[in-house]
Protein backbone atom coordinates (compact mmCIF):
# COMPACT_ATOMS: atom_id res chain seq x y z
CA MET A 1 0.05 0.13 0.20
CA ARG A 2 1.13 3.42 -0.90
CA ALA A 3 1.85 6.31 1.24
CA PRO A 4 -0.35 8.87 1.04
CA ASN A 5 1.45 12.35 -0.81
CA VAL A 6 1.35 14.11 2.14
CA GLY A 7 2.53 17.70 -0.12
CA LEU A 8 -0.33 16.99 -1.82
CA LEU A 9 -2.78 16.67 0.62
CA THR A 10 -2.06 19.92 2.18
CA LEU A 11 -1.79 21.94 -1.19
CA THR A 12 -4.97 20.60 -2.06
CA ARG A 13 -6.61 22.07 1.45
CA LEU A 14 -4.83 25.29 1.17
CA SER A 15 -6.19 25.95 -2.65
CA ALA A 16 -9.57 25.21 -1.59
CA ALA A 17 -9.13 27.00 1.91
CA THR A 18 -7.90 30.38 -0.61
CA LEU A 19 -10.82 29.84 -2.79
CA THR A 20 -13.34 29.90 -0.29
CA ILE A 21 -12.07 33.56 1.21
CA VAL A 22 -11.91 34.43 -2.37
CA ALA A 23 -15.27 33.64 -3.38
CA LEU A 24 -17.05 35.22 0.26
CA SER A 25 -14.50 38.65 -0.82
CA LEU A 26 -16.43 38.85 -4.24
CA PRO A 27 -18.73 41.76 -4.64
CA ALA A 28 -22.13 39.71 -5.29
CA ARG A 29 -23.04 40.10 -9.14
CA ALA A 30 -25.94 42.68 -9.75
CA ASP A 31 -29.14 40.74 -10.50
CA GLY A 32 -30.07 42.12 -14.58
CA PRO A 33 -29.04 40.61 -18.25
CA VAL A 34 -25.32 40.56 -19.12
CA THR A 35 -24.40 43.51 -21.74
CA ARG A 36 -23.44 41.92 -24.34
CA VAL A 37 -22.66 44.63 -28.35
CA GLU A 38 -21.51 42.18 -31.87
CA VAL A 39 -19.45 44.51 -33.95
CA GLY A 40 -18.11 42.30 -36.96
CA VAL A 41 -15.73 39.41 -35.49
CA ARG A 42 -15.37 41.95 -32.35
CA VAL A 43 -17.46 40.48 -29.30
CA SER A 44 -18.34 42.69 -26.15
CA GLU A 45 -20.12 41.80 -22.63
CA ALA A 46 -20.64 43.00 -19.78
CA ILE A 47 -18.45 46.76 -20.96
CA PRO A 48 -19.82 49.85 -20.45
CA ASP A 49 -20.07 52.43 -22.75
CA VAL A 50 -17.50 55.27 -23.69
CA PRO A 51 -18.32 58.59 -22.57
CA GLU A 52 -17.89 60.94 -25.57
CA SER A 53 -17.03 63.81 -23.39
CA LEU A 54 -14.12 61.41 -22.37
CA VAL A 55 -13.22 60.64 -26.14
CA ALA A 56 -12.53 64.41 -26.72
CA ARG A 57 -10.76 64.48 -23.64
CA LEU A 58 -8.10 62.28 -24.81
CA ALA A 59 -7.79 63.27 -28.37
CA ARG A 60 -6.02 65.83 -26.92
CA TYR A 61 -3.23 63.97 -25.94
CA GLN A 62 -3.45 61.90 -28.77
CA ASN A 63 -3.70 63.93 -31.96
CA THR A 64 -0.54 66.02 -31.36
CA ARG A 65 2.49 66.66 -33.24
CA GLY A 66 5.94 67.04 -33.40
CA ALA A 67 7.98 70.42 -34.05
CA ILE A 68 11.33 69.88 -35.53
CA LEU A 69 13.56 74.04 -35.03
CA GLY A 70 15.14 75.04 -38.26
CA GLY A 71 16.82 77.73 -37.51
CA PHE A 72 16.67 81.69 -35.77
CA ALA A 73 15.67 84.03 -38.11
CA GLY A 74 17.21 87.64 -37.51
CA ASN A 75 15.69 88.61 -33.37
CA ASP A 76 12.67 88.21 -33.92
CA ALA A 77 11.08 84.51 -34.88
CA VAL A 78 12.07 80.96 -35.59
CA ILE A 79 11.52 79.46 -38.44
CA VAL A 80 10.74 75.35 -37.62
CA LEU A 81 8.99 71.96 -39.66
CA THR A 82 6.07 70.36 -38.36
CA ARG A 83 3.08 68.82 -39.73
CA PHE A 84 0.07 71.27 -40.81
CA GLY A 85 -2.34 68.28 -43.12
CA GLU A 86 -0.42 65.07 -45.17
CA THR A 87 3.54 65.80 -45.08
CA ASN A 88 6.33 68.54 -42.77
CA GLN A 89 6.69 72.13 -43.86
CA ALA A 90 7.95 75.05 -43.24
CA HIS A 91 6.28 77.14 -40.94
CA ARG A 92 7.68 81.01 -39.49
CA VAL A 93 6.68 81.70 -35.52
CA THR A 94 7.47 85.89 -34.56
CA ALA A 95 6.51 85.21 -30.39
CA PRO A 96 6.77 83.28 -27.93
CA LEU A 97 3.11 80.79 -27.89
CA GLY A 98 2.16 82.46 -31.12
CA MET A 99 0.77 81.48 -33.99
CA ARG A 100 2.39 80.18 -36.80
CA GLU A 101 2.89 81.36 -40.24
CA GLN A 102 3.13 77.98 -42.81
CA LEU A 103 5.36 78.98 -45.61
CA THR A 104 6.32 76.30 -47.87
CA PHE A 105 3.14 74.08 -49.32
CA PHE A 106 4.27 70.85 -51.29
CA LYS A 107 3.18 67.43 -51.83
CA GLU A 108 6.51 66.22 -50.67
CA PRO A 109 8.04 67.04 -46.90
CA VAL A 110 10.52 69.63 -46.91
CA SER A 111 13.58 69.09 -44.38
CA ALA A 112 16.74 69.63 -44.13
CA VAL A 113 16.34 73.54 -42.86
CA ALA A 114 18.87 75.67 -43.03
CA VAL A 115 17.82 79.73 -41.95
CA GLN A 116 20.17 82.67 -43.50
CA PRO A 117 22.56 83.65 -40.37
CA GLY A 118 22.51 87.26 -38.99
CA LYS A 119 20.11 89.40 -37.51
CA ALA A 120 19.26 90.36 -41.57
CA SER A 121 18.31 86.66 -42.45
CA ARG A 122 16.30 87.05 -45.94
CA GLY A 123 15.01 83.86 -46.10
CA PHE A 124 16.12 79.76 -45.76
CA VAL A 125 17.66 76.56 -47.30
CA PHE A 126 15.17 73.58 -47.43
CA GLY A 127 15.24 70.31 -49.09
CA ARG A 128 13.12 68.22 -50.90
CA ASP A 129 12.64 64.93 -53.40
CA VAL A 130 10.16 63.24 -54.84
CA GLY A 131 7.93 60.91 -54.82
CA GLY A 132 9.92 59.25 -51.74
CA SER A 133 13.14 58.67 -53.69
CA GLU A 134 15.81 60.44 -50.80
CA PHE A 135 17.32 62.24 -54.17
CA TRP A 136 17.28 65.66 -52.21
CA GLN A 137 17.63 68.40 -54.45
CA LEU A 138 18.03 71.97 -52.03
CA TYR A 139 15.92 75.06 -52.17
CA TRP A 140 16.52 78.89 -51.19
CA PHE A 141 13.12 80.40 -50.08
CA ASP A 142 12.86 84.58 -50.17
CA PHE A 143 11.06 85.37 -46.76
CA ALA A 144 10.30 88.79 -48.75
CA SER A 145 8.84 87.53 -51.93
CA ARG A 146 7.79 83.75 -50.83
CA GLU A 147 10.21 82.32 -53.78
CA THR A 148 11.50 79.22 -54.41
CA VAL A 149 14.50 78.89 -56.48
CA LEU A 150 16.84 75.44 -57.28
CA LEU A 151 19.85 75.67 -56.18
CA THR A 152 21.47 72.44 -57.37
CA THR A 153 21.71 70.17 -60.69
CA PRO A 154 18.69 67.64 -59.67
CA GLU A 155 19.85 65.91 -63.31
CA VAL A 156 23.74 64.76 -64.42
CA ARG A 157 23.81 64.25 -68.58
CA ASP A 158 26.13 62.37 -70.51
CA ALA A 159 28.18 63.84 -72.79
CA ASP A 160 25.36 63.00 -75.28
CA GLY A 161 22.64 64.73 -73.91
CA LYS A 162 21.50 62.53 -72.23
CA PRO A 163 20.25 62.08 -68.99
CA ALA A 164 22.85 60.46 -66.77
CA ARG A 165 22.41 59.73 -63.10
CA ARG A 166 20.35 61.96 -60.70
CA THR A 167 22.05 64.06 -57.91
CA ARG A 168 20.91 63.85 -53.76
CA ASN A 169 21.37 67.17 -52.24
CA GLU A 170 22.48 67.06 -48.56
CA TYR A 171 23.28 68.33 -45.52
CA PRO A 172 23.60 72.29 -46.43
CA LEU A 173 25.67 74.61 -44.03
CA TRP A 174 26.00 78.44 -44.54
CA SER A 175 29.27 80.69 -43.05
CA GLY A 176 29.48 82.39 -40.65
CA ASP A 177 28.26 86.20 -42.68
CA GLY A 178 25.61 84.06 -44.87
CA LYS A 179 27.26 84.77 -48.51
CA GLN A 180 28.52 81.26 -48.30
CA LEU A 181 26.62 78.22 -48.68
CA ALA A 182 28.50 74.25 -48.42
CA TRP A 183 26.44 70.80 -49.00
CA ALA A 184 27.35 67.18 -49.44
CA SER A 185 26.38 66.39 -52.88
CA THR A 186 26.53 62.97 -55.43
CA ALA A 187 26.83 65.23 -58.50
CA ARG A 188 30.17 63.49 -59.37
CA ASN A 189 29.84 60.00 -60.08
CA GLY A 190 26.39 58.73 -57.95
CA THR A 191 27.94 57.31 -56.03
CA ASP A 192 30.68 60.11 -53.37
CA SER A 193 29.49 62.39 -51.34
CA ASP A 194 31.71 65.37 -52.24
CA ILE A 195 31.95 69.24 -50.83
CA TRP A 196 30.44 71.26 -52.45
CA VAL A 197 30.39 75.67 -52.11
CA ALA A 198 27.92 78.68 -53.73
CA ASP A 199 28.64 82.29 -53.80
CA MET A 200 24.87 83.14 -52.55
CA GLN A 201 24.53 86.49 -51.79
CA ALA A 202 22.91 87.13 -55.83
CA VAL A 203 20.65 84.96 -54.93
CA THR A 204 19.70 85.94 -50.90
CA ALA A 205 19.73 89.81 -53.06
CA GLY A 206 16.19 88.43 -54.81
CA GLY A 207 17.81 86.23 -57.45
CA GLN A 208 16.11 83.74 -59.61
CA ALA A 209 19.45 82.03 -61.16
CA ALA A 210 20.17 78.69 -59.14
CA PRO A 211 23.73 80.67 -57.96
CA PRO A 212 27.49 79.08 -59.65
CA ALA A 213 28.75 76.43 -57.71
CA ARG A 214 31.28 74.30 -57.49
CA ALA A 215 33.22 71.07 -56.06
CA VAL A 216 36.19 71.94 -53.22
CA LEU A 217 36.51 68.30 -52.22
CA THR A 218 36.44 64.80 -54.69
CA GLU A 219 38.33 62.51 -52.69
CA GLY A 220 35.86 60.13 -52.81
CA GLY A 221 33.62 58.31 -49.49
CA THR A 222 31.54 59.91 -47.88
CA TRP A 223 32.16 63.05 -46.53
CA LEU A 224 29.99 66.21 -44.18
CA ALA A 225 30.77 69.75 -44.42
CA ALA A 226 31.11 70.48 -40.41
CA ASP A 227 32.51 74.47 -40.24
CA PHE A 228 33.20 77.57 -42.44
CA SER A 229 36.22 78.97 -40.43
CA PRO A 230 35.49 82.94 -38.99
CA ASP A 231 36.89 84.71 -42.52
CA GLY A 232 35.46 82.13 -44.46
CA LYS A 233 38.15 80.63 -46.36
CA ARG A 234 38.95 77.13 -44.39
CA LEU A 235 36.28 74.43 -43.94
CA LEU A 236 36.67 71.35 -41.54
CA VAL A 237 35.11 68.39 -43.16
CA ILE A 238 34.23 65.41 -42.30
CA LYS A 239 34.53 61.88 -43.85
CA PHE A 240 32.16 59.45 -42.46
CA VAL A 241 32.71 55.53 -43.01
CA SER A 242 31.12 54.09 -39.90
CA ILE A 243 28.92 54.95 -36.78
CA ASN A 244 32.79 54.38 -34.62
CA GLU A 245 34.97 55.53 -37.76
CA ALA A 246 35.50 58.55 -39.20
CA TYR A 247 38.23 61.10 -39.92
CA PRO A 248 38.11 65.11 -39.74
CA GLY A 249 39.89 67.41 -41.50
CA GLU A 250 40.30 71.36 -43.03
CA VAL A 251 40.11 72.34 -46.56
CA ASP A 252 41.63 75.48 -47.91
CA LEU A 253 39.00 76.96 -50.31
CA GLU A 254 41.06 79.21 -52.45
CA THR A 255 44.17 76.44 -53.30
CA GLY A 256 41.66 72.71 -52.33
CA THR A 257 44.22 71.59 -50.29
CA LEU A 258 43.23 69.30 -47.79
CA ARG A 259 44.25 68.61 -44.48
CA LEU A 260 44.05 66.01 -42.38
CA PHE A 261 43.54 65.78 -38.73
CA PRO A 262 45.40 62.97 -36.63
CA VAL A 263 43.71 60.82 -35.49
CA ASP A 264 44.43 58.27 -31.82
CA GLY A 265 44.83 55.13 -32.27
CA GLY A 266 44.18 55.01 -35.93
CA LYS A 267 39.92 54.48 -35.37
CA ALA A 268 37.77 57.02 -33.54
CA SER A 269 34.07 58.13 -33.70
CA PHE A 270 34.05 62.18 -34.54
CA THR A 271 30.68 63.61 -34.49
CA ALA A 272 30.91 67.61 -34.14
CA PHE A 273 33.51 69.91 -35.08
CA LYS A 274 33.52 73.56 -35.06
CA TYR A 275 36.25 76.67 -35.50
CA ALA A 276 36.70 78.43 -31.98
CA PRO A 277 36.46 82.02 -32.12
CA ASP A 278 39.78 82.63 -32.95
CA GLY A 279 39.69 80.61 -36.02
CA ARG A 280 42.85 79.10 -35.17
CA GLY A 281 41.17 76.12 -33.15
CA VAL A 282 38.32 74.15 -33.19
CA TYR A 283 36.55 72.93 -30.78
CA TYR A 284 34.95 68.39 -31.15
CA VAL A 285 33.56 65.47 -30.19
CA SER A 286 35.07 62.19 -29.85
CA ASP A 287 36.25 58.97 -28.03
CA GLU A 288 39.97 58.92 -29.08
CA GLY A 289 41.51 57.68 -26.78
CA ARG A 290 38.66 57.34 -23.70
CA ASP A 291 35.70 55.54 -23.23
CA PHE A 292 33.00 57.71 -23.79
CA LEU A 293 32.36 60.74 -26.54
CA THR A 294 34.41 63.81 -24.93
CA LEU A 295 34.27 67.47 -26.22
CA TRP A 296 37.82 68.10 -27.41
CA TYR A 297 39.49 71.69 -27.84
CA HIS A 298 42.65 71.71 -30.06
CA ASP A 299 44.98 74.49 -31.60
CA PRO A 300 46.77 72.76 -33.84
CA LYS A 301 50.47 74.95 -32.87
CA GLY A 302 49.49 74.66 -29.55
CA GLY A 303 50.28 71.43 -28.24
CA ALA A 304 48.25 68.39 -27.31
CA PRO A 305 44.32 68.36 -28.02
CA VAL A 306 42.32 69.37 -24.45
CA ALA A 307 39.39 67.25 -22.68
CA ILE A 308 37.24 69.99 -21.90
CA SER A 309 34.60 66.90 -20.86
CA LYS A 310 36.69 64.63 -19.56
CA ASP A 311 35.06 64.68 -15.79
CA ILE A 312 31.74 63.53 -17.34
CA PRO A 313 31.06 59.98 -17.80
CA TRP A 314 28.62 60.37 -20.16
CA ASP A 315 28.87 60.88 -23.94
CA VAL A 316 28.62 64.24 -25.55
CA ASP A 317 25.71 64.86 -28.06
CA GLU A 318 25.41 68.01 -29.58
CA LEU A 319 27.59 71.16 -29.77
CA ALA A 320 27.17 74.59 -30.25
CA LEU A 321 28.55 78.30 -30.00
CA SER A 322 27.14 81.76 -29.25
CA PRO A 323 26.98 83.59 -31.62
CA THR A 324 29.35 86.49 -29.81
CA GLY A 325 32.12 83.06 -29.55
CA ARG A 326 31.97 83.97 -25.59
CA HIS A 327 30.29 80.75 -24.25
CA LEU A 328 29.89 77.36 -25.63
CA ALA A 329 26.72 75.05 -24.90
CA PHE A 330 26.37 70.93 -25.15
CA THR A 331 24.91 68.28 -24.32
CA VAL A 332 25.27 64.92 -22.59
CA ASN A 333 23.66 61.79 -22.49
CA ASP A 334 23.54 61.65 -19.24
CA ASP A 335 21.62 57.72 -17.93
CA GLY A 336 19.70 58.73 -20.64
CA VAL A 337 18.55 61.95 -19.77
CA SER A 338 19.35 64.73 -22.05
CA LYS A 339 22.04 67.30 -19.71
CA LEU A 340 23.09 70.96 -21.24
CA HIS A 341 26.00 72.30 -19.83
CA VAL A 342 27.39 75.73 -20.42
CA ARG A 343 30.97 77.14 -20.10
CA THR A 344 32.56 80.29 -20.13
CA LEU A 345 34.98 80.36 -23.08
CA PRO A 346 38.37 81.99 -21.62
CA GLY A 347 40.34 84.82 -22.91
CA LEU A 348 37.07 86.67 -23.73
């Protein structure tokens, strides 16, 4: 004869007792029929109706739109990208909490807004493709006339005049005085992203013709323009290979000479890259020789680079200099939270 399973008997008694307590603690079911609603294949039982007032209150939190800051237009306005209808378009806001004024009305979304710098900003550059092709072209929008001017060449033709390839034009960048524009373009061979520069003075003065542009860097690969020197004669550039590998350099716009900066350890990530106010040193964000993306300052004639954020054990995300060059601002991804740091630059 087998001995009884003491554990099983104990569990059975406990379960019965537990069910009794739970049953006694439940409220008695209300009398009346159970409401049953069938809508297609969905069947709902004993679910109360949702009041329309609650639906209206919830819609305030569901029907929201994001906005992307495109830049400041003079002293009293900002240009933002937001959706009002089907696609993102450019809007102008002239006061805190002010009403937006829609400026562009295209079927395709507008992207890559770069506002002409300066107190007398006359417009902005934006990117747009057709049908989601990702062959973006750059356009100038004039605040006064509300007209747009195509700045780039959508299609390159061969020696016989036949269409050879479409072009992709991205990442517009203004010089500090608002006279020059740099961008990345695949116009040369359809594959490599070269750096092009155009004189924008005629267009910003109301001209309707595309400005003359020239390729200033054709080394092959994917290059991005990072910053113009204060005098507009040099351009910081970055060759992007991967998220963990990039190569910074400087182009002399008069001679086309490229000078690559040495990278400690051979490979490193470089994200932000800007000239110091004196145009001699540079600020940049990189993880070269460190575990985190760190903010650095380097004067090529002044010795080794200096780690500005070495006391912060988190990645630096963004970098910006004030228009006066007196303050340096950067954001840090502090355990998933973006935190802003502002430093006063020495010697100013």
